[in-house]
């Protein structure tokens, strides 16, 4: 149990809060849209734009991180919270390029499952979500790629 907490703490120290990445209106819109998109599929979840204590981080990492908390333990999703990490390439553009997504289903301090959009998008872990929730998590990932591939200047609504 203590080993899991140490791993969780090390992971936490390498991450960057979504709220820390707001450098312009366009990225603020993408961050807010990410939260709304997740809640479209999981309406009971509450979003935390600052899941980490970044006071001891010396340099910005190439991630945008969110935590989504459920009211209690969810047997359908097999966790209490989902940590969403957007891996980005920050090449000084208004909106960074989305390289990959990592989601972790958590019951503090241990990870229950994980999925990464690099490779075969396989979900692994000791307690996987039910099929409908698993499908919704993959839909969130697909829609996040669409979201980050567009700019507001290029959208014609």
N, C-alpha and C. Protein backbone atom coordinates (compact mmCIF):
# COMPACT_ATOMS: atom_id res chain seq x y z
N UNK A 1 0.83 -1.19 0.00
CA UNK A 1 0.00 0.00 0.00
C UNK A 1 0.88 1.26 0.00
N UNK A 2 1.92 1.27 0.83
CA UNK A 2 2.80 2.43 0.89
C UNK A 2 3.56 2.61 -0.43
N UNK A 3 3.93 1.52 -1.09
CA UNK A 3 4.62 1.60 -2.37
C UNK A 3 3.75 2.28 -3.41
N UNK A 4 2.45 1.96 -3.42
CA UNK A 4 1.52 2.61 -4.36
C UNK A 4 1.46 4.11 -4.11
N UNK A 5 1.44 4.52 -2.85
CA UNK A 5 1.39 5.94 -2.52
C UNK A 5 2.65 6.66 -3.00
N UNK A 6 3.81 6.05 -2.84
CA UNK A 6 5.07 6.64 -3.29
C UNK A 6 5.05 6.81 -4.81
N UNK A 7 4.59 5.80 -5.54
CA UNK A 7 4.49 5.89 -7.00
C UNK A 7 3.53 7.00 -7.39
N UNK A 8 2.36 7.05 -6.74
CA UNK A 8 1.36 8.08 -7.01
C UNK A 8 1.95 9.46 -6.77
N UNK A 9 2.70 9.62 -5.70
CA UNK A 9 3.30 10.92 -5.37
C UNK A 9 4.34 11.32 -6.42
N UNK A 10 5.15 10.36 -6.90
CA UNK A 10 6.14 10.66 -7.94
C UNK A 10 5.46 11.05 -9.24
N UNK A 11 4.40 10.34 -9.62
CA UNK A 11 3.65 10.69 -10.82
C UNK A 11 3.11 12.11 -10.68
N UNK A 12 2.53 12.41 -9.54
CA UNK A 12 1.91 13.71 -9.30
C UNK A 12 2.93 14.84 -9.46
N UNK A 13 4.16 14.62 -9.06
CA UNK A 13 5.17 15.67 -9.12
C UNK A 13 5.63 15.96 -10.55
N UNK A 14 5.31 15.10 -11.50
CA UNK A 14 5.74 15.30 -12.87
C UNK A 14 4.66 15.92 -13.75
N UNK A 15 3.52 16.28 -13.20
CA UNK A 15 2.37 16.69 -13.98
C UNK A 15 2.10 18.18 -13.86
N UNK A 16 1.31 18.71 -14.83
CA UNK A 16 0.98 20.12 -14.85
C UNK A 16 -0.54 20.28 -14.85
N UNK A 17 -1.04 21.09 -13.95
CA UNK A 17 -2.46 21.35 -13.87
C UNK A 17 -2.98 22.03 -15.13
N UNK A 18 -4.21 21.70 -15.50
CA UNK A 18 -4.85 22.37 -16.64
C UNK A 18 -4.91 23.87 -16.40
N UNK A 19 -5.21 24.27 -15.18
CA UNK A 19 -5.32 25.70 -14.89
C UNK A 19 -3.99 26.43 -15.05
N UNK A 20 -2.88 25.73 -14.96
CA UNK A 20 -1.56 26.36 -15.11
C UNK A 20 -1.19 26.56 -16.57
N UNK A 21 -1.92 25.96 -17.49
CA UNK A 21 -1.60 26.03 -18.91
C UNK A 21 -2.36 27.10 -19.66
N UNK A 22 -3.16 27.88 -18.98
CA UNK A 22 -3.95 28.90 -19.66
C UNK A 22 -3.05 30.08 -20.00
N UNK A 23 -2.69 30.18 -21.28
CA UNK A 23 -1.82 31.27 -21.72
C UNK A 23 -2.49 32.17 -22.74
N UNK A 24 -3.66 31.74 -23.25
CA UNK A 24 -4.42 32.57 -24.18
C UNK A 24 -5.88 32.11 -24.18
N UNK A 25 -6.72 32.86 -24.84
CA UNK A 25 -8.15 32.55 -24.86
C UNK A 25 -8.41 31.22 -25.54
N UNK A 26 -7.68 30.93 -26.59
CA UNK A 26 -7.90 29.69 -27.34
C UNK A 26 -7.62 28.45 -26.48
N UNK A 27 -6.52 28.44 -25.75
CA UNK A 27 -6.22 27.28 -24.91
C UNK A 27 -7.19 27.22 -23.72
N UNK A 28 -7.62 28.36 -23.21
CA UNK A 28 -8.62 28.37 -22.14
C UNK A 28 -9.91 27.73 -22.64
N UNK A 29 -10.29 28.03 -23.88
CA UNK A 29 -11.48 27.44 -24.48
C UNK A 29 -11.33 25.93 -24.63
N UNK A 30 -10.15 25.46 -25.05
CA UNK A 30 -9.91 24.02 -25.21
C UNK A 30 -9.97 23.31 -23.86
N UNK A 31 -9.43 23.93 -22.83
CA UNK A 31 -9.46 23.32 -21.50
C UNK A 31 -10.89 23.24 -20.98
N UNK A 32 -11.65 24.32 -21.14
CA UNK A 32 -13.05 24.30 -20.71
C UNK A 32 -13.85 23.30 -21.53
N UNK A 33 -13.58 23.21 -22.82
CA UNK A 33 -14.29 22.26 -23.69
C UNK A 33 -13.95 20.82 -23.33
N UNK A 34 -12.72 20.59 -22.89
CA UNK A 34 -12.33 19.24 -22.45
C UNK A 34 -13.18 18.82 -21.26
N UNK A 35 -13.34 19.70 -20.31
CA UNK A 35 -14.17 19.39 -19.13
C UNK A 35 -15.62 19.14 -19.54
N UNK A 36 -16.16 19.99 -20.41
CA UNK A 36 -17.54 19.82 -20.86
C UNK A 36 -17.72 18.53 -21.63
N UNK A 37 -16.74 18.20 -22.45
CA UNK A 37 -16.80 16.96 -23.23
C UNK A 37 -16.82 15.74 -22.31
N UNK A 38 -15.96 15.72 -21.32
CA UNK A 38 -15.94 14.60 -20.39
C UNK A 38 -17.27 14.48 -19.66
N UNK A 39 -17.82 15.61 -19.23
CA UNK A 39 -19.09 15.60 -18.49
C UNK A 39 -20.27 15.25 -19.39
N UNK A 40 -20.12 15.39 -20.69
CA UNK A 40 -21.16 14.95 -21.62
C UNK A 40 -21.40 13.45 -21.48
N UNK A 41 -20.33 12.68 -21.30
CA UNK A 41 -20.43 11.23 -21.17
C UNK A 41 -20.55 10.77 -19.72
N UNK A 42 -20.06 11.58 -18.80
CA UNK A 42 -20.08 11.24 -17.38
C UNK A 42 -20.60 12.44 -16.59
N UNK A 43 -21.92 12.69 -16.66
CA UNK A 43 -22.48 13.91 -16.06
C UNK A 43 -22.37 14.00 -14.54
N UNK A 44 -22.18 12.89 -13.85
CA UNK A 44 -22.05 12.93 -12.39
C UNK A 44 -20.66 13.38 -11.93
N UNK A 45 -19.72 13.41 -12.84
CA UNK A 45 -18.34 13.76 -12.48
C UNK A 45 -18.18 15.26 -12.27
N UNK A 46 -17.42 15.62 -11.26
CA UNK A 46 -17.06 17.02 -11.06
C UNK A 46 -15.59 17.18 -11.47
N UNK A 47 -15.28 18.32 -12.08
CA UNK A 47 -13.94 18.52 -12.63
C UNK A 47 -13.07 19.32 -11.66
N UNK A 48 -11.81 18.96 -11.62
CA UNK A 48 -10.80 19.69 -10.86
C UNK A 48 -9.72 20.08 -11.87
N UNK A 49 -9.58 21.38 -12.13
CA UNK A 49 -8.59 21.87 -13.08
C UNK A 49 -7.20 21.97 -12.46
N UNK A 50 -7.10 21.77 -11.15
CA UNK A 50 -5.81 21.85 -10.45
C UNK A 50 -5.63 20.66 -9.53
N UNK A 51 -5.49 19.45 -10.11
CA UNK A 51 -5.39 18.27 -9.25
C UNK A 51 -4.06 18.10 -8.53
N UNK A 52 -3.05 18.85 -8.89
CA UNK A 52 -1.71 18.66 -8.33
C UNK A 52 -1.24 19.89 -7.58
N UNK A 53 -0.37 19.68 -6.61
CA UNK A 53 0.33 20.76 -5.93
C UNK A 53 1.61 21.01 -6.73
N UNK A 54 1.60 22.08 -7.52
CA UNK A 54 2.73 22.36 -8.41
C UNK A 54 3.75 23.31 -7.79
N UNK A 55 3.68 23.53 -6.51
CA UNK A 55 4.58 24.50 -5.89
C UNK A 55 6.04 24.11 -5.99
N UNK A 56 6.33 22.81 -6.17
CA UNK A 56 7.74 22.40 -6.23
C UNK A 56 8.18 21.99 -7.63
N UNK A 57 7.37 22.28 -8.65
CA UNK A 57 7.76 21.94 -10.01
C UNK A 57 8.58 23.09 -10.59
N UNK A 58 9.77 22.77 -11.08
CA UNK A 58 10.68 23.81 -11.56
C UNK A 58 10.40 24.20 -13.00
N UNK A 59 9.99 23.27 -13.85
CA UNK A 59 9.74 23.60 -15.25
C UNK A 59 8.42 22.99 -15.70
N UNK A 60 7.79 23.64 -16.67
CA UNK A 60 6.52 23.13 -17.18
C UNK A 60 6.73 21.82 -17.91
N UNK A 61 5.86 20.88 -17.67
CA UNK A 61 5.88 19.60 -18.37
C UNK A 61 4.97 19.71 -19.59
N UNK A 62 5.10 18.78 -20.49
CA UNK A 62 4.29 18.79 -21.70
C UNK A 62 3.01 17.99 -21.51
N UNK A 63 2.24 18.38 -20.50
CA UNK A 63 0.95 17.76 -20.24
C UNK A 63 -0.04 18.81 -19.77
N UNK A 64 -1.31 18.49 -19.95
CA UNK A 64 -2.40 19.26 -19.36
C UNK A 64 -3.21 18.24 -18.57
N UNK A 65 -3.38 18.47 -17.27
CA UNK A 65 -3.96 17.47 -16.40
C UNK A 65 -5.26 17.93 -15.74
N UNK A 66 -6.19 16.98 -15.66
CA UNK A 66 -7.49 17.18 -15.03
C UNK A 66 -7.73 16.01 -14.09
N UNK A 67 -8.60 16.22 -13.11
CA UNK A 67 -9.13 15.12 -12.30
C UNK A 67 -10.65 15.24 -12.35
N UNK A 68 -11.31 14.12 -12.55
CA UNK A 68 -12.77 14.06 -12.54
C UNK A 68 -13.18 13.15 -11.40
N UNK A 69 -13.93 13.69 -10.46
CA UNK A 69 -14.32 12.97 -9.26
C UNK A 69 -15.79 12.57 -9.34
N UNK A 70 -16.07 11.34 -8.94
CA UNK A 70 -17.44 10.84 -8.90
C UNK A 70 -17.95 10.89 -7.48
N UNK A 71 -19.27 11.03 -7.30
CA UNK A 71 -19.82 11.05 -5.94
C UNK A 71 -19.78 9.64 -5.34
N UNK A 72 -18.71 9.32 -4.68
CA UNK A 72 -18.53 7.98 -4.13
C UNK A 72 -17.90 7.06 -5.17
N UNK A 73 -17.79 5.81 -4.81
CA UNK A 73 -17.20 4.82 -5.69
C UNK A 73 -18.23 4.41 -6.74
N UNK A 74 -17.84 4.38 -8.01
CA UNK A 74 -18.74 4.00 -9.09
C UNK A 74 -18.45 2.57 -9.53
N UNK A 75 -19.38 1.64 -9.31
CA UNK A 75 -19.14 0.26 -9.72
C UNK A 75 -19.11 0.09 -11.24
N UNK A 76 -19.74 0.99 -11.97
CA UNK A 76 -19.74 0.89 -13.43
C UNK A 76 -18.40 1.29 -14.03
N UNK A 77 -17.75 2.27 -13.41
CA UNK A 77 -16.47 2.76 -13.92
C UNK A 77 -15.31 2.23 -13.08
N UNK A 78 -15.64 1.55 -11.96
CA UNK A 78 -14.65 0.88 -11.09
C UNK A 78 -13.63 1.84 -10.49
N UNK A 79 -14.06 3.05 -10.14
CA UNK A 79 -13.13 3.98 -9.50
C UNK A 79 -13.91 5.11 -8.83
N UNK A 80 -13.19 5.97 -8.14
CA UNK A 80 -13.76 7.18 -7.52
C UNK A 80 -13.39 8.42 -8.29
N UNK A 81 -12.30 8.33 -9.06
CA UNK A 81 -11.83 9.49 -9.82
C UNK A 81 -11.10 9.02 -11.07
N UNK A 82 -11.11 9.87 -12.07
CA UNK A 82 -10.33 9.61 -13.29
C UNK A 82 -9.35 10.75 -13.46
N UNK A 83 -8.09 10.40 -13.57
CA UNK A 83 -7.06 11.39 -13.88
C UNK A 83 -6.89 11.39 -15.39
N UNK A 84 -7.05 12.53 -16.00
CA UNK A 84 -6.94 12.69 -17.45
C UNK A 84 -5.71 13.52 -17.74
N UNK A 85 -4.80 12.94 -18.50
CA UNK A 85 -3.56 13.62 -18.85
C UNK A 85 -3.48 13.74 -20.36
N UNK A 86 -3.43 14.98 -20.85
CA UNK A 86 -3.27 15.25 -22.27
C UNK A 86 -1.79 15.51 -22.53
N UNK A 87 -1.15 14.63 -23.27
CA UNK A 87 0.27 14.81 -23.63
C UNK A 87 0.31 15.73 -24.84
N UNK A 88 1.05 16.82 -24.73
CA UNK A 88 1.04 17.83 -25.78
C UNK A 88 2.44 18.14 -26.28
N UNK A 89 2.48 18.66 -27.48
CA UNK A 89 3.70 19.21 -28.04
C UNK A 89 3.51 20.71 -28.03
N UNK A 90 4.21 21.37 -27.14
CA UNK A 90 4.05 22.81 -26.99
C UNK A 90 5.09 23.51 -27.85
N UNK A 91 4.70 23.82 -29.08
CA UNK A 91 5.64 24.42 -30.04
C UNK A 91 5.35 25.90 -30.26
N UNK A 92 4.99 26.58 -29.18
CA UNK A 92 4.73 28.02 -29.18
C UNK A 92 3.58 28.42 -30.10
N UNK A 93 2.68 27.51 -30.39
CA UNK A 93 1.48 27.84 -31.14
C UNK A 93 0.40 28.22 -30.14
N UNK A 94 -0.66 28.85 -30.64
CA UNK A 94 -1.75 29.26 -29.75
C UNK A 94 -2.38 28.06 -29.05
N UNK A 95 -2.51 26.95 -29.78
CA UNK A 95 -3.04 25.72 -29.19
C UNK A 95 -2.01 24.62 -29.42
N UNK A 96 -1.55 23.97 -28.36
CA UNK A 96 -0.56 22.91 -28.53
C UNK A 96 -1.15 21.71 -29.27
N UNK A 97 -0.28 20.94 -29.88
CA UNK A 97 -0.70 19.73 -30.59
C UNK A 97 -0.89 18.61 -29.58
N UNK A 98 -2.02 17.90 -29.69
CA UNK A 98 -2.31 16.77 -28.81
C UNK A 98 -1.61 15.53 -29.35
N UNK A 99 -0.66 15.00 -28.57
CA UNK A 99 0.10 13.82 -28.98
C UNK A 99 -0.51 12.52 -28.49
N UNK A 100 -1.12 12.54 -27.32
CA UNK A 100 -1.69 11.34 -26.75
C UNK A 100 -2.45 11.64 -25.48
N UNK A 101 -3.22 10.65 -25.04
CA UNK A 101 -4.05 10.80 -23.85
C UNK A 101 -3.80 9.61 -22.94
N UNK A 102 -3.68 9.89 -21.67
CA UNK A 102 -3.60 8.82 -20.67
C UNK A 102 -4.71 9.08 -19.66
N UNK A 103 -5.51 8.05 -19.40
CA UNK A 103 -6.54 8.12 -18.37
C UNK A 103 -6.25 7.04 -17.35
N UNK A 104 -6.43 7.40 -16.08
CA UNK A 104 -6.23 6.44 -15.00
C UNK A 104 -7.46 6.46 -14.09
N UNK A 105 -8.05 5.29 -13.89
CA UNK A 105 -9.13 5.17 -12.92
C UNK A 105 -8.52 4.94 -11.55
N UNK A 106 -8.86 5.78 -10.59
CA UNK A 106 -8.17 5.76 -9.31
C UNK A 106 -9.13 5.55 -8.13
N UNK A 107 -8.65 4.82 -7.17
CA UNK A 107 -9.17 4.82 -5.80
C UNK A 107 -7.93 5.10 -4.97
N UNK A 108 -7.83 6.31 -4.46
CA UNK A 108 -6.61 6.76 -3.81
C UNK A 108 -6.19 5.78 -2.73
N UNK A 109 -4.95 5.38 -2.71
CA UNK A 109 -3.85 5.87 -3.52
C UNK A 109 -3.48 4.93 -4.67
N UNK A 110 -4.36 4.04 -5.08
CA UNK A 110 -3.94 3.08 -6.11
C UNK A 110 -4.71 3.24 -7.41
N UNK A 111 -4.04 2.81 -8.46
CA UNK A 111 -4.62 2.84 -9.80
C UNK A 111 -5.39 1.55 -10.03
N UNK A 112 -6.62 1.66 -10.54
CA UNK A 112 -7.45 0.49 -10.83
C UNK A 112 -7.34 0.06 -12.29
N UNK A 113 -7.24 1.04 -13.19
CA UNK A 113 -7.10 0.76 -14.61
C UNK A 113 -6.43 1.94 -15.29
N UNK A 114 -6.01 1.69 -16.53
CA UNK A 114 -5.31 2.72 -17.31
C UNK A 114 -5.56 2.47 -18.78
N UNK A 115 -5.64 3.54 -19.55
CA UNK A 115 -5.70 3.44 -21.00
C UNK A 115 -4.85 4.58 -21.56
N UNK A 116 -4.11 4.27 -22.61
CA UNK A 116 -3.30 5.27 -23.30
C UNK A 116 -3.62 5.19 -24.79
N UNK A 117 -3.66 6.35 -25.43
CA UNK A 117 -4.00 6.38 -26.85
C UNK A 117 -2.78 6.25 -27.74
N UNK A 118 -1.69 5.84 -27.17
CA UNK A 118 -0.49 5.54 -27.95
C UNK A 118 -0.44 4.03 -28.10
N UNK A 119 -0.28 3.55 -29.31
CA UNK A 119 -0.30 2.11 -29.53
C UNK A 119 -1.69 1.62 -29.86
N UNK A 120 -2.10 0.53 -29.21
CA UNK A 120 -3.36 -0.12 -29.57
C UNK A 120 -4.56 0.30 -28.73
N UNK A 121 -4.46 1.31 -27.91
CA UNK A 121 -5.54 1.84 -27.10
C UNK A 121 -6.13 0.75 -26.19
N UNK A 122 -5.31 -0.11 -25.66
CA UNK A 122 -5.79 -1.20 -24.82
C UNK A 122 -5.93 -0.72 -23.38
N UNK A 123 -7.06 -1.05 -22.76
CA UNK A 123 -7.28 -0.72 -21.36
C UNK A 123 -6.75 -1.87 -20.51
N UNK A 124 -5.93 -1.53 -19.52
CA UNK A 124 -5.35 -2.54 -18.65
C UNK A 124 -5.63 -2.17 -17.20
N UNK A 125 -5.56 -3.17 -16.34
CA UNK A 125 -5.73 -2.92 -14.91
C UNK A 125 -6.41 -4.07 -14.21
N UNK A 126 -6.55 -3.91 -12.90
CA UNK A 126 -7.13 -4.98 -12.09
C UNK A 126 -8.66 -4.96 -12.09
N UNK A 127 -9.27 -3.81 -12.27
CA UNK A 127 -10.72 -3.67 -12.24
C UNK A 127 -11.14 -2.74 -13.38
N UNK A 128 -11.55 -3.31 -14.50
CA UNK A 128 -11.90 -2.52 -15.67
C UNK A 128 -13.34 -2.05 -15.62
N UNK A 129 -13.63 -0.89 -16.23
CA UNK A 129 -15.01 -0.38 -16.28
C UNK A 129 -15.92 -1.32 -17.10
N UNK A 130 -17.23 -1.16 -16.89
CA UNK A 130 -18.21 -1.89 -17.68
C UNK A 130 -18.09 -1.45 -19.14
N UNK A 131 -18.60 -2.25 -20.07
CA UNK A 131 -18.44 -2.02 -21.50
C UNK A 131 -18.93 -0.63 -21.93
N UNK A 132 -20.12 -0.22 -21.48
CA UNK A 132 -20.66 1.07 -21.90
C UNK A 132 -19.75 2.22 -21.45
N UNK A 133 -19.26 2.17 -20.22
CA UNK A 133 -18.38 3.21 -19.72
C UNK A 133 -17.03 3.17 -20.44
N UNK A 134 -16.55 1.98 -20.71
CA UNK A 134 -15.29 1.83 -21.46
C UNK A 134 -15.44 2.46 -22.85
N UNK A 135 -16.55 2.16 -23.52
CA UNK A 135 -16.82 2.75 -24.83
C UNK A 135 -16.88 4.27 -24.75
N UNK A 136 -17.52 4.79 -23.69
CA UNK A 136 -17.61 6.25 -23.51
C UNK A 136 -16.24 6.87 -23.30
N UNK A 137 -15.36 6.20 -22.56
CA UNK A 137 -14.00 6.72 -22.35
C UNK A 137 -13.26 6.82 -23.68
N UNK A 138 -13.43 5.83 -24.54
CA UNK A 138 -12.78 5.88 -25.86
C UNK A 138 -13.40 6.98 -26.73
N UNK A 139 -14.71 7.21 -26.61
CA UNK A 139 -15.34 8.31 -27.34
C UNK A 139 -14.80 9.66 -26.88
N UNK A 140 -14.58 9.81 -25.57
CA UNK A 140 -13.99 11.04 -25.04
C UNK A 140 -12.63 11.26 -25.71
N UNK A 141 -11.81 10.22 -25.77
CA UNK A 141 -10.48 10.34 -26.38
C UNK A 141 -10.58 10.77 -27.84
N UNK A 142 -11.44 10.12 -28.60
CA UNK A 142 -11.59 10.46 -30.02
C UNK A 142 -12.04 11.90 -30.20
N UNK A 143 -12.99 12.33 -29.38
CA UNK A 143 -13.47 13.71 -29.49
C UNK A 143 -12.43 14.73 -29.03
N UNK A 144 -11.56 14.35 -28.10
CA UNK A 144 -10.48 15.26 -27.69
C UNK A 144 -9.50 15.49 -28.83
N UNK A 145 -9.21 14.44 -29.59
CA UNK A 145 -8.34 14.62 -30.76
C UNK A 145 -8.98 15.59 -31.76
N UNK A 146 -10.28 15.46 -31.97
CA UNK A 146 -10.98 16.39 -32.87
C UNK A 146 -10.93 17.81 -32.31
N UNK A 147 -11.18 17.95 -31.02
CA UNK A 147 -11.19 19.26 -30.39
C UNK A 147 -9.85 19.96 -30.55
N UNK A 148 -8.75 19.25 -30.30
CA UNK A 148 -7.44 19.88 -30.37
C UNK A 148 -6.91 20.01 -31.80
N UNK A 149 -7.58 19.43 -32.77
CA UNK A 149 -7.13 19.56 -34.16
C UNK A 149 -7.78 20.75 -34.85
N UNK A 150 -8.69 21.45 -34.15
CA UNK A 150 -9.35 22.61 -34.73
C UNK A 150 -8.98 23.86 -33.96
N UNK A 151 -9.07 24.99 -34.63
CA UNK A 151 -8.88 26.29 -33.97
C UNK A 151 -10.15 27.08 -34.12
N UNK A 152 -10.38 27.99 -33.21
CA UNK A 152 -11.62 28.77 -33.27
C UNK A 152 -11.67 29.63 -34.53
N UNK A 153 -10.51 30.06 -35.03
CA UNK A 153 -10.49 30.86 -36.26
C UNK A 153 -10.93 30.02 -37.45
N UNK A 154 -10.65 28.70 -37.39
CA UNK A 154 -10.99 27.83 -38.50
C UNK A 154 -12.41 27.28 -38.42
N UNK A 155 -13.06 27.43 -37.27
CA UNK A 155 -14.43 26.93 -37.13
C UNK A 155 -15.41 27.93 -37.67
N UNK A 156 -16.33 27.48 -38.46
CA UNK A 156 -17.39 28.34 -39.01
C UNK A 156 -18.71 27.82 -38.50
N UNK A 157 -19.23 28.41 -37.44
CA UNK A 157 -20.52 27.97 -36.87
C UNK A 157 -21.62 28.89 -37.29
